Amino acid sequence: TAAGPVSVRIAIGAVVAPRHARDTEELVQ
């Protein structure tokens, strides 16, 4: 970046469908 190198950290949350989510609301939740 313009301010120099910046370390970025991420976290991931995921769900497999349709096994564990039947609709979009459940998917997001």
Full PDB file with SEQRES, HELIX, SHEET, SSBOND, CRYST1, ORIGX, SCALE, CONECT and MASTER records, all heavy atoms in Angstrom:
SEQRES   1 A   29  THR ALA ALA GLY PRO VAL SER VAL ARG ILE ALA ILE GLY          
SEQRES   2 A   29  ALA VAL VAL ALA PRO ARG HIS ALA ARG ASP THR GLU GLU          
SEQRES   3 A   29  LEU VAL GLN                                                  
HELIX    1 AA1 THR A   24  VAL A   28  1                                   5    
CRYST1    1.000    1.000    1.000  90.00  90.00  90.00 P 1           1          
ORIGX1      1.000000  0.000000  0.000000        0.00000                         
ORIGX2      0.000000  1.000000  0.000000        0.00000                         
ORIGX3      0.000000  0.000000  1.000000        0.00000                         
SCALE1      1.000000  0.000000  0.000000        0.00000                         
SCALE2      0.000000  1.000000  0.000000        0.00000                         
SCALE3      0.000000  0.000000  1.000000        0.00000                         
ATOM      1  N   THR A   1       0.840  -1.194   0.000  1.00  0.00           N  
ATOM      2  CA  THR A   1       0.000   0.000   0.000  1.00  0.00           C  
ATOM      3  C   THR A   1       0.879   1.250   0.000  1.00  0.00           C  
ATOM      4  O   THR A   1       2.113   1.160   0.135  1.00  0.00           O  
ATOM      5  CB  THR A   1      -0.910   0.041   1.242  1.00  0.00           C  
ATOM      6  OG1 THR A   1      -0.108   0.360   2.402  1.00  0.00           O  
ATOM      7  CG2 THR A   1      -1.603  -1.299   1.465  1.00  0.00           C  
ATOM      8  N   ALA A   2       0.246   2.406  -0.124  1.00  0.00           N  
ATOM      9  CA  ALA A   2       0.985   3.670  -0.088  1.00  0.00           C  
ATOM     10  C   ALA A   2       1.656   3.880   1.259  1.00  0.00           C  
ATOM     11  O   ALA A   2       2.630   4.631   1.369  1.00  0.00           O  
ATOM     12  CB  ALA A   2       0.031   4.832  -0.387  1.00  0.00           C  
ATOM     13  N   ALA A   3       1.136   3.219   2.312  1.00  0.00           N  
ATOM     14  CA  ALA A   3       1.717   3.333   3.649  1.00  0.00           C  
ATOM     15  C   ALA A   3       2.746   2.245   3.916  1.00  0.00           C  
ATOM     16  O   ALA A   3       3.281   2.147   5.018  1.00  0.00           O  
ATOM     17  CB  ALA A   3       0.612   3.257   4.698  1.00  0.00           C  
ATOM     18  N   GLY A   4       3.026   1.407   2.900  1.00  0.00           N  
ATOM     19  CA  GLY A   4       3.955   0.307   3.079  1.00  0.00           C  
ATOM     20  C   GLY A   4       3.220  -1.020   3.107  1.00  0.00           C  
ATOM     21  O   GLY A   4       1.996  -1.080   2.957  1.00  0.00           O  
ATOM     22  N   PRO A   5       3.939  -2.131   3.297  1.00  0.00           N  
ATOM     23  CA  PRO A   5       3.288  -3.439   3.326  1.00  0.00           C  
ATOM     24  C   PRO A   5       2.386  -3.593   4.546  1.00  0.00           C  
ATOM     25  O   PRO A   5       2.761  -3.228   5.658  1.00  0.00           O  
ATOM     26  CB  PRO A   5       4.471  -4.420   3.368  1.00  0.00           C  
ATOM     27  CG  PRO A   5       5.615  -3.634   3.908  1.00  0.00           C  
ATOM     28  CD  PRO A   5       5.405  -2.224   3.459  1.00  0.00           C  
ATOM     29  N   VAL A   6       1.196  -4.156   4.324  1.00  0.00           N  
ATOM     30  CA  VAL A   6       0.207  -4.342   5.394  1.00  0.00           C  
ATOM     31  C   VAL A   6      -0.197  -5.809   5.425  1.00  0.00           C  
ATOM     32  O   VAL A   6      -0.588  -6.379   4.397  1.00  0.00           O  
ATOM     33  CB  VAL A   6      -1.036  -3.459   5.161  1.00  0.00           C  
ATOM     34  CG1 VAL A   6      -2.112  -3.768   6.203  1.00  0.00           C  
ATOM     35  CG2 VAL A   6      -0.657  -1.986   5.216  1.00  0.00           C  
ATOM     36  N   SER A   7      -0.085  -6.407   6.593  1.00  0.00           N  
ATOM     37  CA  SER A   7      -0.512  -7.797   6.764  1.00  0.00           C  
ATOM     38  C   SER A   7      -2.022  -7.845   6.957  1.00  0.00           C  
ATOM     39  O   SER A   7      -2.577  -7.109   7.776  1.00  0.00           O  
ATOM     40  CB  SER A   7       0.187  -8.422   7.973  1.00  0.00           C  
ATOM     41  OG  SER A   7      -0.263  -9.745   8.186  1.00  0.00           O  
ATOM     42  N   VAL A   8      -2.682  -8.711   6.186  1.00  0.00           N  
ATOM     43  CA  VAL A   8      -4.140  -8.831   6.249  1.00  0.00           C  
ATOM     44  C   VAL A   8      -4.502 -10.228   6.740  1.00  0.00           C  
ATOM     45  O   VAL A   8      -3.907 -11.224   6.309  1.00  0.00           O  
ATOM     46  CB  VAL A   8      -4.775  -8.591   4.861  1.00  0.00           C  
ATOM     47  CG1 VAL A   8      -6.292  -8.684   4.948  1.00  0.00           C  
ATOM     48  CG2 VAL A   8      -4.358  -7.238   4.319  1.00  0.00           C  
ATOM     49  N   ARG A   9      -5.472 -10.298   7.640  1.00  0.00           N  
ATOM     50  CA  ARG A   9      -5.924 -11.580   8.172  1.00  0.00           C  
ATOM     51  C   ARG A   9      -7.391 -11.778   7.822  1.00  0.00           C  
ATOM     52  O   ARG A   9      -8.185 -10.828   7.860  1.00  0.00           O  
ATOM     53  CB  ARG A   9      -5.762 -11.656   9.692  1.00  0.00           C  
ATOM     54  CG  ARG A   9      -4.415 -11.226  10.207  1.00  0.00           C  
ATOM     55  CD  ARG A   9      -3.262 -11.938   9.532  1.00  0.00           C  
ATOM     56  NE  ARG A   9      -3.225 -13.371   9.820  1.00  0.00           N  
ATOM     57  CZ  ARG A   9      -2.377 -14.209   9.268  1.00  0.00           C  
ATOM     58  NH1 ARG A   9      -1.503 -13.752   8.349  1.00  0.00           N  
ATOM     59  NH2 ARG A   9      -2.390 -15.491   9.580  1.00  0.00           N  
ATOM     60  N   ILE A  10      -7.732 -13.010   7.482  1.00  0.00           N  
ATOM     61  CA  ILE A  10      -9.124 -13.330   7.172  1.00  0.00           C  
ATOM     62  C   ILE A  10      -9.589 -14.521   8.007  1.00  0.00           C  
ATOM     63  O   ILE A  10      -8.782 -15.304   8.517  1.00  0.00           O  
ATOM     64  CB  ILE A  10      -9.328 -13.661   5.678  1.00  0.00           C  
ATOM     65  CG1 ILE A  10      -8.529 -14.910   5.265  1.00  0.00           C  
ATOM     66  CG2 ILE A  10      -8.997 -12.461   4.803  1.00  0.00           C  
ATOM     67  CD1 ILE A  10      -8.850 -15.392   3.862  1.00  0.00           C  
ATOM     68  N   ALA A  11     -10.892 -14.620   8.155  1.00  0.00           N  
ATOM     69  CA  ALA A  11     -11.528 -15.794   8.751  1.00  0.00           C  
ATOM     70  C   ALA A  11     -12.627 -16.242   7.798  1.00  0.00           C  
ATOM     71  O   ALA A  11     -13.271 -15.408   7.149  1.00  0.00           O  
ATOM     72  CB  ALA A  11     -12.108 -15.472  10.129  1.00  0.00           C  
ATOM     73  N   ILE A  12     -12.839 -17.556   7.719  1.00  0.00           N  
ATOM     74  CA  ILE A  12     -13.799 -18.114   6.766  1.00  0.00           C  
ATOM     75  C   ILE A  12     -14.859 -18.916   7.504  1.00  0.00           C  
ATOM     76  O   ILE A  12     -14.545 -19.737   8.369  1.00  0.00           O  
ATOM     77  CB  ILE A  12     -13.086 -19.021   5.743  1.00  0.00           C  
ATOM     78  CG1 ILE A  12     -12.147 -18.189   4.860  1.00  0.00           C  
ATOM     79  CG2 ILE A  12     -14.085 -19.777   4.881  1.00  0.00           C  
ATOM     80  CD1 ILE A  12     -11.333 -19.021   3.882  1.00  0.00           C  
ATOM     81  N   GLY A  13     -16.113 -18.665   7.149  1.00  0.00           N  
ATOM     82  CA  GLY A  13     -17.230 -19.480   7.624  1.00  0.00           C  
ATOM     83  C   GLY A  13     -17.987 -19.982   6.407  1.00  0.00           C  
ATOM     84  O   GLY A  13     -18.232 -19.216   5.470  1.00  0.00           O  
ATOM     85  N   ALA A  14     -18.341 -21.264   6.393  1.00  0.00           N  
ATOM     86  CA  ALA A  14     -18.951 -21.830   5.191  1.00  0.00           C  
ATOM     87  C   ALA A  14     -19.960 -22.909   5.548  1.00  0.00           C  
ATOM     88  O   ALA A  14     -19.945 -23.469   6.654  1.00  0.00           O  
ATOM     89  CB  ALA A  14     -17.868 -22.408   4.273  1.00  0.00           C  
ATOM     90  N   VAL A  15     -20.834 -23.201   4.594  1.00  0.00           N  
ATOM     91  CA  VAL A  15     -21.833 -24.252   4.756  1.00  0.00           C  
ATOM     92  C   VAL A  15     -22.009 -24.958   3.420  1.00  0.00           C  
ATOM     93  O   VAL A  15     -21.954 -24.326   2.365  1.00  0.00           O  
ATOM     94  CB  VAL A  15     -23.175 -23.683   5.262  1.00  0.00           C  
ATOM     95  CG1 VAL A  15     -23.743 -22.652   4.287  1.00  0.00           C  
ATOM     96  CG2 VAL A  15     -24.188 -24.791   5.498  1.00  0.00           C  
ATOM     97  N   VAL A  16     -22.200 -26.277   3.475  1.00  0.00           N  
ATOM     98  CA  VAL A  16     -22.438 -27.081   2.278  1.00  0.00           C  
ATOM     99  C   VAL A  16     -23.943 -27.266   2.106  1.00  0.00           C  
ATOM    100  O   VAL A  16     -24.651 -27.618   3.048  1.00  0.00           O  
ATOM    101  CB  VAL A  16     -21.744 -28.455   2.380  1.00  0.00           C  
ATOM    102  CG1 VAL A  16     -22.044 -29.292   1.144  1.00  0.00           C  
ATOM    103  CG2 VAL A  16     -20.242 -28.276   2.555  1.00  0.00           C  
ATOM    104  N   ALA A  17     -24.424 -27.008   0.881  1.00  0.00           N  
ATOM    105  CA  ALA A  17     -25.860 -27.109   0.604  1.00  0.00           C  
ATOM    106  C   ALA A  17     -26.081 -28.046  -0.584  1.00  0.00           C  
ATOM    107  O   ALA A  17     -25.189 -28.227  -1.415  1.00  0.00           O  
ATOM    108  CB  ALA A  17     -26.428 -25.713   0.303  1.00  0.00           C  
ATOM    109  N   PRO A  18     -27.257 -28.659  -0.686  1.00  0.00           N  
ATOM    110  CA  PRO A  18     -28.412 -28.483   0.194  1.00  0.00           C  
ATOM    111  C   PRO A  18     -28.393 -29.344   1.450  1.00  0.00           C  
ATOM    112  O   PRO A  18     -29.366 -29.369   2.196  1.00  0.00           O  
ATOM    113  CB  PRO A  18     -29.576 -28.883  -0.708  1.00  0.00           C  
ATOM    114  CG  PRO A  18     -28.992 -29.914  -1.622  1.00  0.00           C  
ATOM    115  CD  PRO A  18     -27.576 -29.489  -1.869  1.00  0.00           C  
ATOM    116  N   ARG A  19     -27.283 -30.035   1.727  1.00  0.00           N  
ATOM    117  CA  ARG A  19     -27.256 -30.933   2.875  1.00  0.00           C  
ATOM    118  C   ARG A  19     -27.537 -30.219   4.184  1.00  0.00           C  
ATOM    119  O   ARG A  19     -28.269 -30.721   5.039  1.00  0.00           O  
ATOM    120  CB  ARG A  19     -25.893 -31.635   2.953  1.00  0.00           C  
ATOM    121  CG  ARG A  19     -25.812 -32.644   4.086  1.00  0.00           C  
ATOM    122  CD  ARG A  19     -24.515 -33.405   4.073  1.00  0.00           C  
ATOM    123  NE  ARG A  19     -24.489 -34.422   5.114  1.00  0.00           N  
ATOM    124  CZ  ARG A  19     -23.466 -35.222   5.352  1.00  0.00           C  
ATOM    125  NH1 ARG A  19     -22.376 -35.131   4.593  1.00  0.00           N  
ATOM    126  NH2 ARG A  19     -23.525 -36.117   6.323  1.00  0.00           N  
ATOM    127  N   HIS A  20     -26.951 -29.027   4.362  1.00  0.00           N  
ATOM    128  CA  HIS A  20     -27.101 -28.328   5.638  1.00  0.00           C  
ATOM    129  C   HIS A  20     -27.817 -26.988   5.507  1.00  0.00           C  
ATOM    130  O   HIS A  20     -27.772 -26.179   6.439  1.00  0.00           O  
ATOM    131  CB  HIS A  20     -25.738 -28.119   6.292  1.00  0.00           C  
ATOM    132  CG  HIS A  20     -25.047 -29.392   6.688  1.00  0.00           C  
ATOM    133  ND1 HIS A  20     -25.689 -30.396   7.377  1.00  0.00           N  
ATOM    134  CD2 HIS A  20     -23.776 -29.829   6.474  1.00  0.00           C  
ATOM    135  CE1 HIS A  20     -24.850 -31.401   7.589  1.00  0.00           C  
ATOM    136  NE2 HIS A  20     -23.686 -31.086   7.036  1.00  0.00           N  
ATOM    137  N   ALA A  21     -28.440 -26.729   4.373  1.00  0.00           N  
ATOM    138  CA  ALA A  21     -29.213 -25.489   4.198  1.00  0.00           C  
ATOM    139  C   ALA A  21     -30.272 -25.721   3.135  1.00  0.00           C  
ATOM    140  O   ALA A  21     -29.942 -26.121   2.020  1.00  0.00           O  
ATOM    141  CB  ALA A  21     -28.296 -24.329   3.809  1.00  0.00           C  
ATOM    142  N   ARG A  22     -31.524 -25.454   3.482  1.00  0.00           N  
ATOM    143  CA  ARG A  22     -32.630 -25.730   2.567  1.00  0.00           C  
ATOM    144  C   ARG A  22     -33.071 -24.503   1.792  1.00  0.00           C  
ATOM    145  O   ARG A  22     -33.748 -24.617   0.776  1.00  0.00           O  
ATOM    146  CB  ARG A  22     -33.812 -26.298   3.346  1.00  0.00           C  
ATOM    147  CG  ARG A  22     -33.544 -27.677   3.956  1.00  0.00           C  
ATOM    148  CD  ARG A  22     -34.522 -27.989   5.053  1.00  0.00           C  
ATOM    149  NE  ARG A  22     -34.367 -27.081   6.171  1.00  0.00           N  
ATOM    150  CZ  ARG A  22     -35.082 -27.147   7.297  1.00  0.00           C  
ATOM    151  NH1 ARG A  22     -36.014 -28.067   7.420  1.00  0.00           N  
ATOM    152  NH2 ARG A  22     -34.884 -26.288   8.277  1.00  0.00           N  
ATOM    153  N   ASP A  23     -32.735 -23.322   2.264  1.00  0.00           N  
ATOM    154  CA  ASP A  23     -33.106 -22.098   1.557  1.00  0.00           C  
ATOM    155  C   ASP A  23     -32.028 -21.049   1.794  1.00  0.00           C  
ATOM    156  O   ASP A  23     -31.081 -21.260   2.559  1.00  0.00           O  
ATOM    157  CB  ASP A  23     -34.483 -21.583   2.008  1.00  0.00           C  
ATOM    158  CG  ASP A  23     -34.580 -21.424   3.523  1.00  0.00           C  
ATOM    159  OD1 ASP A  23     -33.601 -20.947   4.135  1.00  0.00           O  
ATOM    160  OD2 ASP A  23     -35.621 -21.778   4.097  1.00  0.00           O  
ATOM    161  N   THR A  24     -32.166 -19.912   1.121  1.00  0.00           N  
ATOM    162  CA  THR A  24     -31.127 -18.884   1.191  1.00  0.00           C  
ATOM    163  C   THR A  24     -30.980 -18.321   2.596  1.00  0.00           C  
ATOM    164  O   THR A  24     -29.866 -18.051   3.058  1.00  0.00           O  
ATOM    165  CB  THR A  24     -31.442 -17.744   0.197  1.00  0.00           C  
ATOM    166  OG1 THR A  24     -31.678 -18.292  -1.099  1.00  0.00           O  
ATOM    167  CG2 THR A  24     -30.295 -16.760   0.121  1.00  0.00           C  
ATOM    168  N   GLU A  25     -32.092 -18.149   3.293  1.00  0.00           N  
ATOM    169  CA  GLU A  25     -32.027 -17.622   4.659  1.00  0.00           C  
ATOM    170  C   GLU A  25     -31.205 -18.542   5.558  1.00  0.00           C  
ATOM    171  O   GLU A  25     -30.345 -18.090   6.320  1.00  0.00           O  
ATOM    172  CB  GLU A  25     -33.441 -17.460   5.218  1.00  0.00           C  
ATOM    173  CG  GLU A  25     -33.468 -16.906   6.637  1.00  0.00           C  
ATOM    174  CD  GLU A  25     -34.874 -16.750   7.180  1.00  0.00           C  
ATOM    175  OE1 GLU A  25     -35.835 -16.935   6.412  1.00  0.00           O  
ATOM    176  OE2 GLU A  25     -35.008 -16.453   8.379  1.00  0.00           O  
ATOM    177  N   GLU A  26     -31.462 -19.842   5.456  1.00  0.00           N  
ATOM    178  CA  GLU A  26     -30.714 -20.807   6.261  1.00  0.00           C  
ATOM    179  C   GLU A  26     -29.255 -20.863   5.814  1.00  0.00           C  
ATOM    180  O   GLU A  26     -28.342 -21.013   6.633  1.00  0.00           O  
ATOM    181  CB  GLU A  26     -31.363 -22.176   6.135  1.00  0.00           C  
ATOM    182  CG  GLU A  26     -30.953 -23.161   7.215  1.00  0.00           C  
ATOM    183  CD  GLU A  26     -31.841 -24.384   7.223  1.00  0.00           C  
ATOM    184  OE1 GLU A  26     -31.883 -25.097   6.205  1.00  0.00           O  
ATOM    185  OE2 GLU A  26     -32.507 -24.624   8.254  1.00  0.00           O  
ATOM    186  N   LEU A  27     -29.029 -20.726   4.528  1.00  0.00           N  
ATOM    187  CA  LEU A  27     -27.676 -20.714   3.980  1.00  0.00           C  
ATOM    188  C   LEU A  27     -26.855 -19.593   4.608  1.00  0.00           C  
ATOM    189  O   LEU A  27     -25.746 -19.807   5.099  1.00  0.00           O  
ATOM    190  CB  LEU A  27     -27.752 -20.539   2.464  1.00  0.00           C  
ATOM    191  CG  LEU A  27     -26.516 -20.848   1.630  1.00  0.00           C  
ATOM    192  CD1 LEU A  27     -26.292 -22.356   1.539  1.00  0.00           C  
ATOM    193  CD2 LEU A  27     -26.665 -20.257   0.229  1.00  0.00           C  
ATOM    194  N   VAL A  28     -27.404 -18.389   4.599  1.00  0.00           N  
ATOM    195  CA  VAL A  28     -26.691 -17.229   5.144  1.00  0.00           C  
ATOM    196  C   VAL A  28     -26.532 -17.353   6.653  1.00  0.00           C  
ATOM    197  O   VAL A  28     -25.462 -17.087   7.212  1.00  0.00           O  
ATOM    198  CB  VAL A  28     -27.430 -15.929   4.770  1.00  0.00           C  
ATOM    199  CG1 VAL A  28     -26.825 -14.739   5.504  1.00  0.00           C  
ATOM    200  CG2 VAL A  28     -27.391 -15.700   3.269  1.00  0.00           C  
ATOM    201  N   GLN A  29     -27.606 -17.774   7.326  1.00  0.00           N  
ATOM    202  CA  GLN A  29     -27.565 -17.874   8.785  1.00  0.00           C  
ATOM    203  C   GLN A  29     -26.485 -18.852   9.242  1.00  0.00           C  
ATOM    204  O   GLN A  29     -25.721 -18.583  10.174  1.00  0.00           O  
ATOM    205  CB  GLN A  29     -28.945 -18.300   9.306  1.00  0.00           C  
ATOM    206  CG  GLN A  29     -29.076 -18.265  10.816  1.00  0.00           C  
ATOM    207  CD  GLN A  29     -28.654 -19.561  11.483  1.00  0.00           C  
ATOM    208  OE1 GLN A  29     -28.853 -20.634  10.928  1.00  0.00           O  
ATOM    209  NE2 GLN A  29     -28.079 -19.455  12.667  1.00  0.00           N  
TER     210      GLN A  29                                                      
MASTER        0    0    0    1    0    0    0    6  209    1    0    3          
END                                                                             
